[in-house]
Amino acid sequence: MPTAAPSTPAITHVALTVRDLSVSVPWYEAVLDASPVLDEDTGPFRHVVFAAGTTLLGLHQFPDPQEGDFDERRVGLDHVAFGAADRAQLEQWAVRLEGLGVDHGKIVDAHYGSGLGFRDPDGIQLEIFAPPS
């Protein structure tokens, strides 16, 4: 019989595979208003890493990428959500994204919180999410 987990572990990092770091890195720098904390070639891939709060967000580029576009309906990743304090902050994010020329959806309100969806240069679905008020 397995032993109980000591505690629910935090998510320490998320890695996204992108087509072209020369396109994705400046885009993420602008949207996150942050510089990477790491940029290295590991051999199998090159990655650039951003600190998003206490979670690291890695962008990976492989020398032999597989064809196909991101599709959240395919088994695997659906989206990555960044946290906002409240709905007012989501409204600020909408203005910021508009100022950067980043297309986004409307803020969607639900009983479990509110979200603002948008996509990165590779079509990876991203979201800013706020808990319910």
N, C-alpha and C. Protein backbone atom coordinates (compact mmCIF):
# COMPACT_ATOMS: atom_id res chain seq x y z
N MET A 1 0.85 -1.18 0.00
CA MET A 1 0.00 0.00 0.00
C MET A 1 0.89 1.24 0.00
N PRO A 2 0.65 2.20 -0.91
CA PRO A 2 1.51 3.39 -0.96
C PRO A 2 1.29 4.27 0.25
N THR A 3 2.37 4.95 0.63
CA THR A 3 2.26 5.90 1.75
C THR A 3 1.64 7.20 1.24
N ALA A 4 1.08 7.95 2.15
CA ALA A 4 0.46 9.23 1.79
C ALA A 4 1.55 10.23 1.39
N ALA A 5 1.21 11.11 0.47
CA ALA A 5 2.14 12.17 0.07
C ALA A 5 2.38 13.09 1.25
N PRO A 6 3.61 13.57 1.45
CA PRO A 6 3.90 14.43 2.60
C PRO A 6 3.11 15.73 2.59
N SER A 7 2.93 16.32 1.42
CA SER A 7 2.11 17.53 1.26
C SER A 7 1.90 17.71 -0.23
N THR A 8 0.95 18.54 -0.58
CA THR A 8 0.73 18.79 -1.99
C THR A 8 1.89 19.62 -2.52
N PRO A 9 2.62 19.10 -3.49
CA PRO A 9 3.78 19.85 -3.98
C PRO A 9 3.37 21.04 -4.84
N ALA A 10 4.15 22.09 -4.77
CA ALA A 10 3.94 23.27 -5.62
C ALA A 10 4.47 22.98 -7.01
N ILE A 11 3.96 23.69 -7.99
CA ILE A 11 4.51 23.59 -9.34
C ILE A 11 5.71 24.51 -9.39
N THR A 12 6.88 23.94 -9.64
CA THR A 12 8.11 24.73 -9.62
C THR A 12 8.42 25.36 -10.97
N HIS A 13 8.06 24.65 -12.06
CA HIS A 13 8.30 25.22 -13.37
C HIS A 13 7.38 24.62 -14.42
N VAL A 14 7.22 25.37 -15.48
CA VAL A 14 6.47 24.94 -16.65
C VAL A 14 7.38 25.22 -17.84
N ALA A 15 7.50 24.27 -18.75
CA ALA A 15 8.33 24.46 -19.94
C ALA A 15 7.45 24.37 -21.18
N LEU A 16 7.57 25.36 -22.04
CA LEU A 16 6.82 25.41 -23.29
C LEU A 16 7.78 25.30 -24.45
N THR A 17 7.47 24.47 -25.42
CA THR A 17 8.29 24.36 -26.61
C THR A 17 7.82 25.39 -27.63
N VAL A 18 8.75 26.20 -28.11
CA VAL A 18 8.44 27.25 -29.08
C VAL A 18 9.22 27.00 -30.37
N ARG A 19 8.76 27.61 -31.45
CA ARG A 19 9.42 27.44 -32.74
C ARG A 19 10.72 28.22 -32.83
N ASP A 20 10.69 29.47 -32.33
CA ASP A 20 11.80 30.38 -32.56
C ASP A 20 12.00 31.28 -31.34
N LEU A 21 13.06 31.03 -30.59
CA LEU A 21 13.33 31.83 -29.40
C LEU A 21 13.56 33.30 -29.74
N SER A 22 14.06 33.58 -30.94
CA SER A 22 14.30 34.98 -31.30
C SER A 22 13.00 35.75 -31.46
N VAL A 23 11.89 35.06 -31.64
CA VAL A 23 10.57 35.69 -31.69
C VAL A 23 9.92 35.63 -30.30
N SER A 24 9.95 34.46 -29.67
CA SER A 24 9.23 34.26 -28.40
C SER A 24 9.84 35.01 -27.23
N VAL A 25 11.16 35.05 -27.13
CA VAL A 25 11.78 35.70 -25.97
C VAL A 25 11.41 37.18 -25.89
N PRO A 26 11.56 37.97 -26.97
CA PRO A 26 11.15 39.38 -26.87
C PRO A 26 9.67 39.55 -26.56
N TRP A 27 8.83 38.66 -27.09
CA TRP A 27 7.39 38.74 -26.83
C TRP A 27 7.12 38.52 -25.34
N TYR A 28 7.69 37.47 -24.76
CA TYR A 28 7.48 37.20 -23.33
C TYR A 28 8.12 38.30 -22.46
N GLU A 29 9.26 38.82 -22.88
CA GLU A 29 9.87 39.93 -22.13
C GLU A 29 8.91 41.12 -22.07
N ALA A 30 8.28 41.44 -23.20
CA ALA A 30 7.36 42.58 -23.24
C ALA A 30 6.10 42.31 -22.42
N VAL A 31 5.50 41.13 -22.61
CA VAL A 31 4.26 40.82 -21.90
C VAL A 31 4.49 40.72 -20.39
N LEU A 32 5.54 40.03 -19.99
CA LEU A 32 5.81 39.84 -18.56
C LEU A 32 6.55 41.02 -17.94
N ASP A 33 7.06 41.92 -18.78
CA ASP A 33 7.87 43.05 -18.31
C ASP A 33 9.01 42.54 -17.43
N ALA A 34 9.70 41.52 -17.95
CA ALA A 34 10.78 40.88 -17.19
C ALA A 34 11.84 40.36 -18.14
N SER A 35 13.05 40.26 -17.63
CA SER A 35 14.16 39.67 -18.37
C SER A 35 14.32 38.21 -17.96
N PRO A 36 14.85 37.39 -18.83
CA PRO A 36 15.10 36.00 -18.47
C PRO A 36 16.10 35.89 -17.32
N VAL A 37 15.94 34.84 -16.53
CA VAL A 37 16.88 34.57 -15.44
C VAL A 37 17.91 33.52 -15.86
N LEU A 38 17.69 32.89 -17.02
CA LEU A 38 18.59 31.85 -17.51
C LEU A 38 18.43 31.73 -19.02
N ASP A 39 19.55 31.54 -19.69
CA ASP A 39 19.56 31.29 -21.14
C ASP A 39 20.71 30.34 -21.38
N GLU A 40 20.40 29.10 -21.73
CA GLU A 40 21.49 28.13 -21.93
C GLU A 40 21.13 27.09 -22.98
N ASP A 41 22.16 26.58 -23.60
CA ASP A 41 22.02 25.48 -24.54
C ASP A 41 22.36 24.21 -23.76
N THR A 42 21.40 23.32 -23.63
CA THR A 42 21.61 22.11 -22.84
C THR A 42 22.15 20.96 -23.67
N GLY A 43 22.22 21.16 -24.98
CA GLY A 43 22.61 20.06 -25.87
C GLY A 43 21.40 19.62 -26.66
N PRO A 44 20.44 18.95 -26.00
CA PRO A 44 19.25 18.53 -26.74
C PRO A 44 18.34 19.71 -27.13
N PHE A 45 18.41 20.81 -26.41
CA PHE A 45 17.60 21.98 -26.70
C PHE A 45 18.22 23.21 -26.05
N ARG A 46 17.81 24.37 -26.51
CA ARG A 46 18.18 25.63 -25.86
C ARG A 46 16.97 26.10 -25.10
N HIS A 47 17.19 26.63 -23.90
CA HIS A 47 16.05 27.16 -23.18
C HIS A 47 16.36 28.50 -22.55
N VAL A 48 15.30 29.30 -22.47
CA VAL A 48 15.33 30.61 -21.84
C VAL A 48 14.26 30.57 -20.77
N VAL A 49 14.61 31.00 -19.55
CA VAL A 49 13.72 30.83 -18.41
C VAL A 49 13.40 32.18 -17.79
N PHE A 50 12.12 32.38 -17.48
CA PHE A 50 11.64 33.58 -16.79
C PHE A 50 11.14 33.18 -15.41
N ALA A 51 11.26 34.08 -14.45
CA ALA A 51 10.66 33.89 -13.13
C ALA A 51 9.28 34.53 -13.17
N ALA A 52 8.26 33.72 -12.90
CA ALA A 52 6.88 34.20 -12.83
C ALA A 52 6.42 33.95 -11.40
N GLY A 53 6.66 34.93 -10.53
CA GLY A 53 6.41 34.71 -9.11
C GLY A 53 7.40 33.68 -8.60
N THR A 54 6.90 32.62 -7.97
CA THR A 54 7.78 31.56 -7.47
C THR A 54 7.89 30.39 -8.45
N THR A 55 7.28 30.54 -9.61
CA THR A 55 7.32 29.49 -10.63
C THR A 55 8.22 29.94 -11.78
N LEU A 56 9.00 29.02 -12.31
CA LEU A 56 9.83 29.32 -13.47
C LEU A 56 9.07 28.94 -14.73
N LEU A 57 9.14 29.80 -15.75
CA LEU A 57 8.52 29.56 -17.04
C LEU A 57 9.64 29.42 -18.06
N GLY A 58 9.81 28.20 -18.58
CA GLY A 58 10.87 27.95 -19.54
C GLY A 58 10.34 27.91 -20.96
N LEU A 59 11.11 28.47 -21.87
CA LEU A 59 10.82 28.39 -23.29
C LEU A 59 11.90 27.52 -23.91
N HIS A 60 11.51 26.42 -24.53
CA HIS A 60 12.46 25.48 -25.12
C HIS A 60 12.39 25.56 -26.64
N GLN A 61 13.57 25.53 -27.28
CA GLN A 61 13.62 25.41 -28.74
C GLN A 61 14.52 24.24 -29.07
N PHE A 62 13.97 23.29 -29.82
CA PHE A 62 14.69 22.10 -30.22
C PHE A 62 15.26 22.29 -31.62
N PRO A 63 16.41 21.68 -31.92
CA PRO A 63 16.99 21.81 -33.26
C PRO A 63 16.19 21.02 -34.32
N ASP A 64 15.37 20.07 -33.88
CA ASP A 64 14.58 19.24 -34.79
C ASP A 64 13.10 19.29 -34.41
N PRO A 65 12.48 20.46 -34.53
CA PRO A 65 11.08 20.58 -34.09
C PRO A 65 10.14 19.68 -34.89
N GLN A 66 9.09 19.24 -34.23
CA GLN A 66 8.05 18.45 -34.88
C GLN A 66 7.04 19.40 -35.52
N GLU A 67 6.53 19.04 -36.66
CA GLU A 67 5.54 19.87 -37.35
C GLU A 67 4.21 19.84 -36.61
N GLY A 68 3.43 20.87 -36.81
CA GLY A 68 2.10 20.94 -36.21
C GLY A 68 1.97 22.17 -35.33
N ASP A 69 0.76 22.62 -35.21
CA ASP A 69 0.47 23.79 -34.39
C ASP A 69 -0.06 23.37 -33.03
N PHE A 70 0.05 24.26 -32.07
CA PHE A 70 -0.50 24.02 -30.74
C PHE A 70 -2.01 23.90 -30.85
N ASP A 71 -2.58 22.95 -30.14
CA ASP A 71 -4.02 22.77 -30.09
C ASP A 71 -4.39 22.28 -28.71
N GLU A 72 -5.09 23.12 -27.95
CA GLU A 72 -5.44 22.75 -26.58
C GLU A 72 -6.41 21.57 -26.53
N ARG A 73 -7.00 21.20 -27.64
CA ARG A 73 -7.90 20.04 -27.65
C ARG A 73 -7.15 18.73 -27.79
N ARG A 74 -5.87 18.81 -28.17
CA ARG A 74 -5.03 17.62 -28.26
C ARG A 74 -4.64 17.22 -26.83
N VAL A 75 -4.49 15.94 -26.60
CA VAL A 75 -4.07 15.49 -25.27
C VAL A 75 -2.73 16.13 -24.95
N GLY A 76 -2.62 16.70 -23.77
CA GLY A 76 -1.42 17.39 -23.33
C GLY A 76 -1.80 18.71 -22.66
N LEU A 77 -1.06 19.72 -22.94
CA LEU A 77 -1.27 21.02 -22.31
C LEU A 77 -2.50 21.72 -22.88
N ASP A 78 -3.32 22.29 -22.00
CA ASP A 78 -4.46 23.10 -22.43
C ASP A 78 -4.05 24.57 -22.44
N HIS A 79 -3.59 25.07 -21.31
CA HIS A 79 -3.13 26.45 -21.22
C HIS A 79 -2.31 26.64 -19.95
N VAL A 80 -1.64 27.79 -19.89
CA VAL A 80 -0.91 28.19 -18.68
C VAL A 80 -1.57 29.46 -18.18
N ALA A 81 -1.88 29.49 -16.90
CA ALA A 81 -2.54 30.66 -16.31
C ALA A 81 -1.62 31.34 -15.30
N PHE A 82 -1.53 32.66 -15.43
CA PHE A 82 -0.80 33.49 -14.48
C PHE A 82 -1.82 34.10 -13.53
N GLY A 83 -1.43 34.35 -12.30
CA GLY A 83 -2.37 34.85 -11.31
C GLY A 83 -2.47 36.37 -11.27
N ALA A 84 -3.68 36.83 -11.01
CA ALA A 84 -3.95 38.25 -10.76
C ALA A 84 -4.65 38.35 -9.42
N ALA A 85 -4.50 39.48 -8.78
CA ALA A 85 -5.08 39.66 -7.45
C ALA A 85 -6.60 39.70 -7.49
N ASP A 86 -7.16 40.36 -8.51
CA ASP A 86 -8.60 40.54 -8.58
C ASP A 86 -9.02 40.93 -9.99
N ARG A 87 -10.31 41.10 -10.19
CA ARG A 87 -10.82 41.43 -11.52
C ARG A 87 -10.31 42.78 -12.00
N ALA A 88 -10.14 43.73 -11.10
CA ALA A 88 -9.62 45.05 -11.49
C ALA A 88 -8.23 44.90 -12.12
N GLN A 89 -7.43 44.01 -11.58
CA GLN A 89 -6.10 43.78 -12.15
C GLN A 89 -6.21 43.12 -13.53
N LEU A 90 -7.23 42.28 -13.73
CA LEU A 90 -7.45 41.72 -15.06
C LEU A 90 -7.75 42.82 -16.07
N GLU A 91 -8.53 43.80 -15.66
CA GLU A 91 -8.83 44.92 -16.53
C GLU A 91 -7.56 45.68 -16.89
N GLN A 92 -6.64 45.83 -15.93
CA GLN A 92 -5.36 46.48 -16.20
C GLN A 92 -4.55 45.65 -17.20
N TRP A 93 -4.60 44.32 -17.05
CA TRP A 93 -3.90 43.44 -17.98
C TRP A 93 -4.48 43.58 -19.39
N ALA A 94 -5.79 43.69 -19.51
CA ALA A 94 -6.41 43.85 -20.83
C ALA A 94 -5.87 45.12 -21.50
N VAL A 95 -5.78 46.20 -20.75
CA VAL A 95 -5.24 47.46 -21.29
C VAL A 95 -3.78 47.29 -21.68
N ARG A 96 -3.01 46.60 -20.84
CA ARG A 96 -1.59 46.37 -21.14
C ARG A 96 -1.42 45.56 -22.42
N LEU A 97 -2.17 44.47 -22.54
CA LEU A 97 -2.07 43.64 -23.73
C LEU A 97 -2.46 44.42 -24.98
N GLU A 98 -3.50 45.22 -24.88
CA GLU A 98 -3.90 46.06 -26.02
C GLU A 98 -2.76 47.01 -26.41
N GLY A 99 -2.12 47.61 -25.41
CA GLY A 99 -1.01 48.52 -25.66
C GLY A 99 0.17 47.83 -26.34
N LEU A 100 0.33 46.54 -26.08
CA LEU A 100 1.41 45.76 -26.70
C LEU A 100 1.00 45.16 -28.05
N GLY A 101 -0.26 45.37 -28.42
CA GLY A 101 -0.75 44.81 -29.67
C GLY A 101 -1.02 43.31 -29.60
N VAL A 102 -1.26 42.80 -28.39
CA VAL A 102 -1.52 41.37 -28.20
C VAL A 102 -3.04 41.16 -28.20
N ASP A 103 -3.52 40.39 -29.16
CA ASP A 103 -4.95 40.07 -29.20
C ASP A 103 -5.32 39.26 -27.97
N HIS A 104 -6.52 39.51 -27.48
CA HIS A 104 -7.01 38.77 -26.31
C HIS A 104 -8.52 38.70 -26.36
N GLY A 105 -9.06 37.80 -25.58
CA GLY A 105 -10.50 37.69 -25.46
C GLY A 105 -11.03 38.67 -24.43
N LYS A 106 -12.31 38.57 -24.21
CA LYS A 106 -12.94 39.37 -23.15
C LYS A 106 -12.69 38.69 -21.82
N ILE A 107 -12.79 39.44 -20.75
CA ILE A 107 -12.69 38.85 -19.42
C ILE A 107 -13.94 37.99 -19.22
N VAL A 108 -13.71 36.74 -18.86
CA VAL A 108 -14.81 35.81 -18.63
C VAL A 108 -14.95 35.60 -17.12
N ASP A 109 -16.15 35.85 -16.62
CA ASP A 109 -16.43 35.69 -15.19
C ASP A 109 -17.16 34.38 -14.96
N ALA A 110 -16.75 33.66 -13.94
CA ALA A 110 -17.40 32.42 -13.53
C ALA A 110 -17.44 32.39 -12.00
N HIS A 111 -18.18 31.46 -11.45
CA HIS A 111 -18.28 31.38 -9.99
C HIS A 111 -16.94 31.08 -9.32
N TYR A 112 -16.00 30.47 -10.05
CA TYR A 112 -14.70 30.09 -9.48
C TYR A 112 -13.61 31.12 -9.75
N GLY A 113 -13.94 32.20 -10.49
CA GLY A 113 -12.96 33.25 -10.76
C GLY A 113 -13.18 33.86 -12.13
N SER A 114 -12.26 34.73 -12.53
CA SER A 114 -12.35 35.43 -13.80
C SER A 114 -11.05 35.25 -14.57
N GLY A 115 -11.16 35.14 -15.88
CA GLY A 115 -9.97 34.91 -16.69
C GLY A 115 -9.95 35.77 -17.94
N LEU A 116 -8.73 36.07 -18.37
CA LEU A 116 -8.48 36.83 -19.59
C LEU A 116 -7.54 35.99 -20.44
N GLY A 117 -8.03 35.51 -21.58
CA GLY A 117 -7.24 34.61 -22.41
C GLY A 117 -6.56 35.32 -23.58
N PHE A 118 -5.37 34.81 -23.95
CA PHE A 118 -4.62 35.32 -25.10
C PHE A 118 -3.65 34.22 -25.53
N ARG A 119 -2.94 34.45 -26.64
CA ARG A 119 -2.03 33.43 -27.17
C ARG A 119 -0.65 34.02 -27.43
N ASP A 120 0.36 33.18 -27.27
CA ASP A 120 1.73 33.62 -27.56
C ASP A 120 1.98 33.50 -29.07
N PRO A 121 3.17 33.85 -29.55
CA PRO A 121 3.44 33.80 -30.99
C PRO A 121 3.26 32.43 -31.64
N ASP A 122 3.35 31.35 -30.86
CA ASP A 122 3.15 30.01 -31.39
C ASP A 122 1.72 29.52 -31.21
N GLY A 123 0.84 30.37 -30.72
CA GLY A 123 -0.55 29.99 -30.53
C GLY A 123 -0.82 29.28 -29.22
N ILE A 124 0.18 29.21 -28.33
CA ILE A 124 -0.02 28.57 -27.03
C ILE A 124 -0.97 29.44 -26.22
N GLN A 125 -2.01 28.80 -25.70
CA GLN A 125 -3.04 29.52 -24.96
C GLN A 125 -2.52 29.90 -23.56
N LEU A 126 -2.63 31.19 -23.26
CA LEU A 126 -2.23 31.72 -21.96
C LEU A 126 -3.44 32.43 -21.34
N GLU A 127 -3.38 32.64 -20.04
CA GLU A 127 -4.49 33.28 -19.34
C GLU A 127 -3.96 34.03 -18.13
N ILE A 128 -4.62 35.13 -17.82
CA ILE A 128 -4.44 35.77 -16.52
C ILE A 128 -5.71 35.44 -15.76
N PHE A 129 -5.57 34.91 -14.56
CA PHE A 129 -6.72 34.42 -13.80
C PHE A 129 -6.78 35.06 -12.42
N ALA A 130 -7.97 35.49 -12.02
CA ALA A 130 -8.18 36.10 -10.70
C ALA A 130 -9.22 35.28 -9.94
N PRO A 131 -9.03 35.12 -8.65
CA PRO A 131 -10.01 34.40 -7.85
C PRO A 131 -11.32 35.19 -7.77
N PRO A 132 -12.41 34.53 -7.37
CA PRO A 132 -13.68 35.25 -7.27
C PRO A 132 -13.61 36.34 -6.21
N SER A 133 -14.38 37.39 -6.44
CA SER A 133 -14.40 38.52 -5.48
C SER A 133 -15.28 38.21 -4.30
